Amino acid sequence: MVNKPKSFEEFFYSKTLDICEIEKVNNYASEHKGDYTPFNGFMFCPECQNAELTFIRKTSIRRAHLKKKPSSTHLDGCSYNYNYASKKLITRYVDNLTYEQVQDRLNAIMNLLFKTKNKESSLSNNQKTSIKPKNNPLLLPDIKKETHDLKALRKKRLSGWIDESDGTDLHVFYGKVKLEVVEKEKINDEGEKYSYYLLTLKTMNKKGEWKFRTQIYRGGIKDKLDINKVYQVAMIGKLNFKWKWWQIDLINKSAIRFQEVES
């Protein structure tokens, strides 16, 4: 189980049964002299929806975040119960999967991360059911000698605040986006031209405008998509701060999945 307390950038809001972003609480508190009464006691873990969360205000050294109340607990199968997986473990695990298996894992992750309403939310804690740890797509097996442990994938919302303080650990990056394929040309060592592709991601800002967020190198893969559609996306990769604007380097070319959001 987890040794270090984890922070949250989303929460399950029991008043509306929605998954909400921390900005909703932070903005309210900023406008009401730090008070966030409408949310206090109604914020829960976005994954298991059982552990109660509390709001921690922004300081000079740390951004605003949510954390679990000490007296509250996650359900057994919740990934927040587990320590994070290392780069080595995640890389080894993904490299041993076929393309179809990677896509199946990402699809299961998307089903978990993009859920909104919980039909069981009105039930008591004792009546709630938990996914079994071995069936949680955000948990990976970590085999060490005679022990068989589970480790969690880090998660990062694409529309949230991202900077170098987030480091370069492998994450599941996810969110609702608009996508566009950009074709580029290069000349190889033989003097021949060849094309490669970048996948541009746009997220919605506070004004409801779709703005450039980042891009992903896709090599020779030209993704089929509609630039006018909204997609849910999930990918496994790491942040790259070597460029003018940060990018996401996928763990491999298979480690991204997107699907159109039904209107």
Protein backbone atom coordinates (compact mmCIF):
# COMPACT_ATOMS: atom_id res chain seq x y z
CA MET A 1 0.00 0.00 0.00
CA VAL A 2 1.00 3.62 -0.50
CA ASN A 3 3.70 5.10 1.75
CA LYS A 4 3.50 8.73 0.64
CA PRO A 5 0.23 10.76 0.64
CA LYS A 6 -1.05 11.52 -2.85
CA SER A 7 -2.58 14.71 -4.18
CA PHE A 8 -5.62 15.03 -6.44
CA GLU A 9 -6.50 17.48 -9.22
CA GLU A 10 -10.04 16.16 -9.71
CA PHE A 11 -12.81 15.06 -7.35
CA PHE A 12 -16.16 13.33 -7.33
CA TYR A 13 -18.73 15.95 -6.32
CA SER A 14 -21.46 14.09 -4.46
CA LYS A 15 -23.96 16.95 -4.84
CA THR A 16 -24.09 16.63 -8.62
CA LEU A 17 -22.52 13.17 -9.10
CA ASP A 18 -19.95 14.70 -11.46
CA ILE A 19 -16.18 14.49 -11.73
CA CYS A 20 -15.00 18.09 -11.27
CA GLU A 21 -11.64 19.81 -11.66
CA ILE A 22 -9.88 21.42 -8.71
CA GLU A 23 -10.10 24.80 -10.47
CA LYS A 24 -13.80 24.82 -9.62
CA VAL A 25 -13.03 24.86 -5.89
CA ASN A 26 -9.98 27.08 -6.21
CA ASN A 27 -11.89 29.74 -8.16
CA TYR A 28 -14.75 29.72 -5.66
CA ALA A 29 -12.37 30.02 -2.71
CA SER A 30 -10.51 32.88 -4.41
CA GLU A 31 -13.77 34.78 -4.84
CA HIS A 32 -14.98 34.11 -1.27
CA LYS A 33 -11.92 34.95 0.85
CA GLY A 34 -10.77 31.35 1.08
CA ASP A 35 -14.15 29.88 1.98
CA TYR A 36 -15.21 26.76 0.07
CA THR A 37 -18.22 25.67 2.15
CA PRO A 38 -20.34 24.45 -0.82
CA PHE A 39 -17.66 21.83 -1.53
CA ASN A 40 -16.47 20.93 1.96
CA GLY A 41 -17.74 17.46 2.86
CA PHE A 42 -18.88 16.73 -0.69
CA MET A 43 -15.54 16.03 -2.41
CA PHE A 44 -14.43 12.42 -2.81
CA CYS A 45 -11.78 10.40 -4.63
CA PRO A 46 -12.53 10.61 -8.37
CA GLU A 47 -11.72 6.94 -8.82
CA CYS A 48 -13.36 5.01 -5.97
CA GLN A 49 -15.67 7.85 -4.87
CA ASN A 50 -15.30 6.72 -1.27
CA ALA A 51 -12.34 8.56 0.32
CA GLU A 52 -13.25 12.11 1.36
CA LEU A 53 -10.94 14.89 0.17
CA THR A 54 -10.02 18.27 1.60
CA PHE A 55 -8.84 21.41 -0.21
CA ILE A 56 -5.28 22.67 0.32
CA ARG A 57 -4.78 26.27 -0.75
CA LYS A 58 -1.96 27.49 -2.98
CA THR A 59 1.29 28.57 -1.31
CA SER A 60 4.46 30.20 -2.58
CA ILE A 61 6.01 26.78 -3.14
CA ARG A 62 3.06 24.56 -4.07
CA ARG A 63 -0.01 24.82 -6.27
CA ALA A 64 -3.51 24.30 -4.84
CA HIS A 65 -4.48 20.64 -4.55
CA LEU A 66 -6.74 18.15 -2.83
CA LYS A 67 -5.67 15.46 -0.40
CA LYS A 68 -7.37 12.63 1.43
CA LYS A 69 -8.67 13.27 4.92
CA PRO A 70 -6.70 11.09 7.39
CA SER A 71 -9.89 9.57 8.80
CA SER A 72 -11.14 8.51 5.37
CA THR A 73 -10.21 5.46 3.29
CA HIS A 74 -10.17 4.42 -0.34
CA LEU A 75 -11.92 1.25 -1.47
CA ASP A 76 -9.58 -1.75 -1.73
CA GLY A 77 -9.16 -1.74 -5.51
CA CYS A 78 -8.51 2.00 -5.86
CA SER A 79 -5.14 2.83 -7.46
CA TYR A 80 -4.59 5.63 -4.93
CA ASN A 81 -3.91 2.91 -2.35
CA TYR A 82 -0.70 1.92 -4.14
CA ASN A 83 2.78 3.34 -4.64
CA TYR A 84 3.63 4.60 -8.11
CA ALA A 85 5.31 2.34 -10.65
CA SER A 86 8.86 3.12 -11.76
CA LYS A 87 9.79 3.99 -15.35
CA LYS A 88 11.59 0.67 -15.63
CA LEU A 89 8.56 -1.33 -14.52
CA ILE A 90 6.15 0.51 -16.83
CA THR A 91 8.49 0.25 -19.82
CA ARG A 92 9.07 -3.46 -19.28
CA TYR A 93 5.35 -4.09 -18.89
CA VAL A 94 4.27 -2.14 -21.99
CA ASP A 95 7.08 -3.58 -24.15
CA ASN A 96 5.74 -7.07 -23.46
CA LEU A 97 2.26 -6.21 -24.76
CA THR A 98 1.00 -6.46 -28.33
CA TYR A 99 -0.57 -3.44 -30.04
CA GLU A 100 -4.03 -4.85 -29.33
CA GLN A 101 -3.21 -5.42 -25.66
CA VAL A 102 -1.93 -1.84 -25.26
CA GLN A 103 -5.12 -0.53 -26.87
CA ASP A 104 -7.28 -2.73 -24.63
CA ARG A 105 -5.47 -1.42 -21.55
CA LEU A 106 -5.89 2.20 -22.65
CA ASN A 107 -9.55 1.59 -23.44
CA ALA A 108 -10.09 0.22 -19.92
CA ILE A 109 -8.25 3.23 -18.48
CA MET A 110 -10.46 5.59 -20.47
CA ASN A 111 -13.59 3.84 -19.24
CA LEU A 112 -12.38 4.39 -15.68
CA LEU A 113 -11.13 7.98 -16.03
CA PHE A 114 -13.99 9.36 -18.07
CA LYS A 115 -16.84 7.98 -16.01
CA THR A 116 -19.07 10.72 -14.62
CA LYS A 117 -22.05 9.50 -12.70
CA ASN A 118 -22.07 6.61 -10.28
CA LYS A 119 -25.43 4.87 -9.94
CA GLU A 120 -24.33 3.53 -6.57
CA SER A 121 -23.43 6.96 -5.17
CA SER A 122 -26.60 7.12 -3.10
CA LEU A 123 -25.71 3.88 -1.35
CA SER A 124 -23.95 3.74 1.99
CA ASN A 125 -20.22 3.09 2.08
CA ASN A 126 -20.83 -0.48 3.21
CA GLN A 127 -22.97 -1.14 0.14
CA LYS A 128 -20.49 0.22 -2.39
CA THR A 129 -18.60 -2.33 -4.43
CA SER A 130 -14.95 -2.02 -5.31
CA ILE A 131 -13.15 -3.20 -8.42
CA LYS A 132 -10.67 -5.95 -7.59
CA PRO A 133 -7.08 -4.64 -7.55
CA LYS A 134 -5.97 -7.12 -10.22
CA ASN A 135 -8.72 -5.83 -12.52
CA ASN A 136 -7.86 -2.14 -12.12
CA PRO A 137 -6.25 -1.00 -15.42
CA LEU A 138 -4.25 1.66 -13.55
CA LEU A 139 -2.39 -1.01 -11.55
CA LEU A 140 0.56 -3.02 -12.87
CA PRO A 141 2.07 -6.19 -11.39
CA ASP A 142 5.53 -5.73 -9.89
CA ILE A 143 7.19 -9.12 -9.47
CA LYS A 144 10.13 -9.06 -7.05
CA LYS A 145 11.65 -12.32 -5.90
CA GLU A 146 8.97 -14.05 -3.83
CA THR A 147 6.58 -11.09 -3.67
CA HIS A 148 3.95 -10.11 -6.21
CA ASP A 149 3.02 -6.49 -5.64
CA LEU A 150 0.92 -3.96 -7.56
CA LYS A 151 2.08 -0.48 -8.52
CA ALA A 152 0.01 2.44 -9.82
CA LEU A 153 0.32 4.49 -12.99
CA ARG A 154 0.60 8.23 -12.46
CA LYS A 155 -2.19 10.29 -14.04
CA LYS A 156 -2.14 13.83 -15.45
CA ARG A 157 -5.07 15.79 -16.85
CA LEU A 158 -4.15 17.55 -20.10
CA SER A 159 -6.23 20.62 -19.30
CA GLY A 160 -4.63 21.05 -15.87
CA TRP A 161 -1.56 23.06 -14.92
CA ILE A 162 1.61 21.46 -16.29
CA ASP A 163 5.18 22.69 -15.82
CA GLU A 164 8.68 21.38 -15.10
CA SER A 165 7.77 20.71 -11.46
CA ASP A 166 5.76 17.74 -12.78
CA GLY A 167 9.01 16.04 -13.74
CA THR A 168 9.55 13.46 -16.46
CA ASP A 169 8.08 10.34 -14.88
CA LEU A 170 5.81 8.26 -17.08
CA HIS A 171 2.15 9.24 -16.77
CA VAL A 172 -1.20 8.45 -18.22
CA PHE A 173 -2.12 11.76 -19.85
CA TYR A 174 -5.82 12.11 -20.52
CA GLY A 175 -8.59 14.56 -21.30
CA LYS A 176 -11.07 15.90 -23.81
CA VAL A 177 -9.31 17.42 -26.80
CA LYS A 178 -9.51 18.49 -30.40
CA LEU A 179 -6.91 16.88 -32.64
CA GLU A 180 -5.10 17.81 -35.83
CA VAL A 181 -2.47 16.00 -37.88
CA VAL A 182 0.46 18.12 -39.07
CA GLU A 183 2.64 16.79 -41.89
CA LYS A 184 6.33 17.67 -41.95
CA GLU A 185 9.12 16.93 -44.42
CA LYS A 186 12.75 16.04 -43.87
CA ILE A 187 15.66 14.90 -45.97
CA ASN A 188 17.45 11.68 -45.03
CA ASP A 189 21.17 10.94 -45.28
CA GLU A 190 20.72 9.86 -48.91
CA GLY A 191 19.21 13.23 -49.81
CA GLU A 192 15.70 11.83 -50.18
CA LYS A 193 12.63 13.61 -48.86
CA TYR A 194 10.32 11.83 -46.47
CA SER A 195 7.26 12.79 -44.46
CA TYR A 196 6.61 12.46 -40.76
CA TYR A 197 3.62 13.49 -38.69
CA LEU A 198 2.84 15.39 -35.51
CA LEU A 199 -0.43 15.10 -33.61
CA THR A 200 -1.53 18.47 -32.24
CA LEU A 201 -3.76 18.57 -29.16
CA LYS A 202 -6.04 21.44 -28.20
CA THR A 203 -7.85 21.76 -24.87
CA MET A 204 -10.67 24.07 -23.87
CA ASN A 205 -9.80 27.12 -21.77
CA LYS A 206 -11.95 28.97 -19.22
CA LYS A 207 -13.54 31.02 -22.01
CA GLY A 208 -14.69 27.90 -23.84
CA GLU A 209 -12.07 28.33 -26.57
CA TRP A 210 -10.02 25.46 -27.98
CA LYS A 211 -6.36 26.42 -27.67
CA PHE A 212 -3.09 24.66 -28.55
CA ARG A 213 -1.86 22.53 -25.66
CA THR A 214 0.89 20.27 -26.95
CA GLN A 215 1.94 17.98 -29.76
CA ILE A 216 3.11 14.40 -30.11
CA TYR A 217 5.61 12.98 -32.57
CA ARG A 218 3.96 10.16 -34.56
CA GLY A 219 6.73 9.27 -37.02
CA GLY A 220 5.22 7.69 -40.11
CA ILE A 221 1.78 7.25 -38.53
CA LYS A 222 -0.89 9.53 -39.98
CA ASP A 223 -3.80 9.32 -37.54
CA LYS A 224 -7.29 9.37 -39.05
CA LEU A 225 -9.46 11.98 -37.35
CA ASP A 226 -11.85 14.88 -37.84
CA ILE A 227 -10.45 18.25 -36.75
CA ASN A 228 -13.97 19.47 -35.96
CA LYS A 229 -14.76 16.64 -33.54
CA VAL A 230 -14.06 16.42 -29.80
CA TYR A 231 -12.20 13.32 -28.62
CA GLN A 232 -11.40 11.60 -25.37
CA VAL A 233 -7.73 10.68 -25.34
CA ALA A 234 -5.47 8.62 -23.10
CA MET A 235 -1.77 7.94 -23.60
CA ILE A 236 1.26 6.70 -21.70
CA GLY A 237 4.31 8.91 -21.99
CA LYS A 238 6.51 11.51 -20.36
CA LEU A 239 6.86 15.27 -20.53
CA ASN A 240 9.65 16.70 -22.66
CA PHE A 241 10.78 20.24 -21.79
CA LYS A 242 13.61 20.49 -24.33
CA TRP A 243 11.50 22.51 -26.76
CA LYS A 244 10.00 25.99 -26.68
CA TRP A 245 6.73 24.43 -25.54
CA TRP A 246 6.58 21.17 -23.63
CA GLN A 247 5.70 18.03 -25.57
CA ILE A 248 4.71 14.49 -24.70
CA ASP A 249 7.00 11.62 -25.69
CA LEU A 250 5.00 8.39 -25.93
CA ILE A 251 6.49 5.30 -24.33
CA ASN A 252 5.95 3.72 -27.77
CA LYS A 253 3.86 4.50 -30.85
CA SER A 254 1.06 2.17 -29.72
CA ALA A 255 0.56 3.92 -26.38
CA ILE A 256 -2.16 6.37 -27.40
CA ARG A 257 -5.88 5.91 -27.91
CA PHE A 258 -8.60 8.40 -28.76
CA GLN A 259 -12.30 8.10 -29.41
CA GLU A 260 -14.92 10.58 -30.51
CA VAL A 261 -17.12 12.08 -27.80
CA GLU A 262 -20.77 11.49 -28.56
CA SER A 263 -22.63 14.77 -28.95
